[in-house]
Amino acid sequence: MSERLYDGEAVLHIGGAQYRCRASLVWWTDPAPAPVQAIGPARGPQGLGRWEGKLRLHSEDDAASAWFASDERHALVLVQGRFAAVTVADMDGPFLLVDGAGFPPF
């Protein structure tokens, strides 16, 4: 399993609004499945990995605004000049928990 960490500035784009935030993200890849596991529904390309983490917005009000900005909770996050699609999974005070798939923007 491979892992990469990012802790730095980011911009969350959700529901037509932008929020500057501090991102703490981790990306990892799982080992390729054994041949027996590979039989069944397609799960997408192997080796791209998953990533998740926290976005700390400036205030709880900003986090709540971002949380309610999109019913489907789909967003883009801009990290180091690169965009990536994320799903906003949960809100905890000024933090938004996000999930991404594939190559991360860091």
C-alpha atoms as a PDB file:
ATOM      1  CA  MET A   1       0.000   0.000   0.000  1.00  0.00           C
ATOM      2  CA  SER A   2       1.272   3.450  -0.937  1.00  0.00           C
ATOM      3  CA  GLU A   3       0.354   6.637   0.949  1.00  0.00           C
ATOM      4  CA  ARG A   4       0.821  10.390   0.471  1.00  0.00           C
ATOM      5  CA  LEU A   5      -0.150  13.262   2.810  1.00  0.00           C
ATOM      6  CA  TYR A   6      -1.013  16.913   2.174  1.00  0.00           C
ATOM      7  CA  ASP A   7      -1.448  19.633   4.794  1.00  0.00           C
ATOM      8  CA  GLY A   8      -1.850  23.097   3.325  1.00  0.00           C
ATOM      9  CA  GLU A   9      -4.047  25.694   1.692  1.00  0.00           C
ATOM     10  CA  ALA A  10      -7.006  24.759  -0.511  1.00  0.00           C
ATOM     11  CA  VAL A  11     -10.141  26.274  -2.028  1.00  0.00           C
ATOM     12  CA  LEU A  12     -13.474  24.439  -1.898  1.00  0.00           C
ATOM     13  CA  HIS A  13     -15.895  25.114  -4.798  1.00  0.00           C
ATOM     14  CA  ILE A  14     -19.446  24.057  -3.948  1.00  0.00           C
ATOM     15  CA  GLY A  15     -22.883  25.324  -4.924  1.00  0.00           C
ATOM     16  CA  GLY A  16     -21.468  28.280  -6.886  1.00  0.00           C
ATOM     17  CA  ALA A  17     -19.457  29.569  -3.906  1.00  0.00           C
ATOM     18  CA  GLN A  18     -15.771  29.364  -3.021  1.00  0.00           C
ATOM     19  CA  TYR A  19     -14.311  28.850   0.451  1.00  0.00           C
ATOM     20  CA  ARG A  20     -10.647  29.197   1.346  1.00  0.00           C
ATOM     21  CA  CYS A  21      -9.658  26.512   3.816  1.00  0.00           C
ATOM     22  CA  ARG A  22      -6.865  24.483   5.348  1.00  0.00           C
ATOM     23  CA  ALA A  23      -6.735  20.925   3.984  1.00  0.00           C
ATOM     24  CA  SER A  24      -5.420  17.854   5.769  1.00  0.00           C
ATOM     25  CA  LEU A  25      -5.650  15.052   3.213  1.00  0.00           C
ATOM     26  CA  VAL A  26      -4.321  11.531   2.807  1.00  0.00           C
ATOM     27  CA  TRP A  27      -4.178   9.443  -0.406  1.00  0.00           C
ATOM     28  CA  TRP A  28      -3.550   5.720  -0.530  1.00  0.00           C
ATOM     29  CA  THR A  29      -3.590   2.849  -2.987  1.00  0.00           C
ATOM     30  CA  ASP A  30      -4.682  -0.654  -2.149  1.00  0.00           C
ATOM     31  CA  PRO A  31      -2.806  -3.629  -3.485  1.00  0.00           C
ATOM     32  CA  ALA A  32      -4.286  -5.125  -6.646  1.00  0.00           C
ATOM     33  CA  PRO A  33      -6.989  -7.687  -5.876  1.00  0.00           C
ATOM     34  CA  ALA A  34      -6.283 -11.369  -6.197  1.00  0.00           C
ATOM     35  CA  PRO A  35      -7.781 -12.982  -9.352  1.00  0.00           C
ATOM     36  CA  VAL A  36     -10.682 -14.483  -7.369  1.00  0.00           C
ATOM     37  CA  GLN A  37     -11.606 -11.014  -6.076  1.00  0.00           C
ATOM     38  CA  ALA A  38     -11.426  -9.515  -9.542  1.00  0.00           C
ATOM     39  CA  ILE A  39     -14.422 -11.545 -10.742  1.00  0.00           C
ATOM     40  CA  GLY A  40     -17.642  -9.569 -10.424  1.00  0.00           C
ATOM     41  CA  PRO A  41     -18.686  -5.977 -10.971  1.00  0.00           C
ATOM     42  CA  ALA A  42     -16.079  -3.616 -12.337  1.00  0.00           C
ATOM     43  CA  ARG A  43     -14.617  -1.381  -9.644  1.00  0.00           C
ATOM     44  CA  GLY A  44     -12.712   0.989 -11.900  1.00  0.00           C
ATOM     45  CA  PRO A  45      -9.009   1.090 -12.738  1.00  0.00           C
ATOM     46  CA  GLN A  46      -6.719  -0.526 -10.192  1.00  0.00           C
ATOM     47  CA  GLY A  47      -3.943   1.419  -8.533  1.00  0.00           C
ATOM     48  CA  LEU A  48      -5.613   4.856  -8.664  1.00  0.00           C
ATOM     49  CA  GLY A  49      -6.370   4.789  -4.966  1.00  0.00           C
ATOM     50  CA  ARG A  50      -8.643   6.809  -2.728  1.00  0.00           C
ATOM     51  CA  TRP A  51      -8.174   9.912  -0.697  1.00  0.00           C
ATOM     52  CA  GLU A  52      -9.986  11.630   2.117  1.00  0.00           C
ATOM     53  CA  GLY A  53      -9.493  14.185   4.808  1.00  0.00           C
ATOM     54  CA  LYS A  54     -10.637  17.356   6.494  1.00  0.00           C
ATOM     55  CA  LEU A  55     -11.106  20.870   5.207  1.00  0.00           C
ATOM     56  CA  ARG A  56     -10.990  23.475   7.981  1.00  0.00           C
ATOM     57  CA  LEU A  57     -12.995  26.506   6.964  1.00  0.00           C
ATOM     58  CA  HIS A  58     -12.620  29.908   8.664  1.00  0.00           C
ATOM     59  CA  SER A  59     -15.721  29.479  10.820  1.00  0.00           C
ATOM     60  CA  GLU A  60     -18.585  27.151  11.655  1.00  0.00           C
ATOM     61  CA  ASP A  61     -20.870  29.503   9.689  1.00  0.00           C
ATOM     62  CA  ASP A  62     -18.744  29.034   6.552  1.00  0.00           C
ATOM     63  CA  ALA A  63     -18.782  25.259   7.054  1.00  0.00           C
ATOM     64  CA  ALA A  64     -22.566  25.252   7.472  1.00  0.00           C
ATOM     65  CA  SER A  65     -23.005  27.425   4.350  1.00  0.00           C
ATOM     66  CA  ALA A  66     -20.817  25.051   2.331  1.00  0.00           C
ATOM     67  CA  TRP A  67     -22.579  21.989   3.800  1.00  0.00           C
ATOM     68  CA  PHE A  68     -26.007  23.267   2.711  1.00  0.00           C
ATOM     69  CA  ALA A  69     -24.811  24.714  -0.622  1.00  0.00           C
ATOM     70  CA  SER A  70     -25.401  21.469  -2.536  1.00  0.00           C
ATOM     71  CA  ASP A  71     -28.005  18.795  -1.812  1.00  0.00           C
ATOM     72  CA  GLU A  72     -25.832  16.136  -3.437  1.00  0.00           C
ATOM     73  CA  ARG A  73     -22.705  17.302  -1.568  1.00  0.00           C
ATOM     74  CA  HIS A  74     -20.575  17.159  -4.727  1.00  0.00           C
ATOM     75  CA  ALA A  75     -17.787  19.715  -4.891  1.00  0.00           C
ATOM     76  CA  LEU A  76     -14.404  20.546  -6.347  1.00  0.00           C
ATOM     77  CA  VAL A  77     -11.322  21.187  -4.280  1.00  0.00           C
ATOM     78  CA  LEU A  78      -8.386  23.206  -5.613  1.00  0.00           C
ATOM     79  CA  VAL A  79      -5.024  22.154  -4.178  1.00  0.00           C
ATOM     80  CA  GLN A  80      -1.664  23.319  -5.542  1.00  0.00           C
ATOM     81  CA  GLY A  81      -3.298  24.629  -8.735  1.00  0.00           C
ATOM     82  CA  ARG A  82      -5.144  21.375  -9.525  1.00  0.00           C
ATOM     83  CA  PHE A  83      -8.859  20.592  -9.192  1.00  0.00           C
ATOM     84  CA  ALA A  84     -10.309  17.302  -8.012  1.00  0.00           C
ATOM     85  CA  ALA A  85     -13.885  16.155  -7.451  1.00  0.00           C
ATOM     86  CA  VAL A  86     -14.879  15.337  -3.880  1.00  0.00           C
ATOM     87  CA  THR A  87     -17.952  14.328  -1.956  1.00  0.00           C
ATOM     88  CA  VAL A  88     -18.542  16.243   1.257  1.00  0.00           C
ATOM     89  CA  ALA A  89     -19.304  13.384   3.625  1.00  0.00           C
ATOM     90  CA  ASP A  90     -19.861  15.136   6.959  1.00  0.00           C
ATOM     91  CA  MET A  91     -19.572  18.389   8.896  1.00  0.00           C
ATOM     92  CA  ASP A  92     -18.006  18.750  12.359  1.00  0.00           C
ATOM     93  CA  GLY A  93     -17.838  22.352  13.577  1.00  0.00           C
ATOM     94  CA  PRO A  94     -15.636  24.307  11.148  1.00  0.00           C
ATOM     95  CA  PHE A  95     -14.479  21.053   9.493  1.00  0.00           C
ATOM     96  CA  LEU A  96     -15.886  19.379   6.396  1.00  0.00           C
ATOM     97  CA  LEU A  97     -14.922  15.742   5.862  1.00  0.00           C
ATOM     98  CA  VAL A  98     -14.349  14.909   2.194  1.00  0.00           C
ATOM     99  CA  ASP A  99     -13.866  11.750   0.123  1.00  0.00           C
ATOM    100  CA  GLY A 100     -12.204  11.551  -3.268  1.00  0.00           C
ATOM    101  CA  ALA A 101     -11.268   8.773  -5.666  1.00  0.00           C
ATOM    102  CA  GLY A 102      -8.472   8.393  -8.169  1.00  0.00           C
ATOM    103  CA  PHE A 103      -5.341  10.515  -8.266  1.00  0.00           C
ATOM    104  CA  PRO A 104      -5.379  13.337  -5.724  1.00  0.00           C
ATOM    105  CA  PRO A 105      -4.596  16.967  -6.579  1.00  0.00           C
ATOM    106  CA  PHE A 106      -1.469  16.873  -4.375  1.00  0.00           C
END
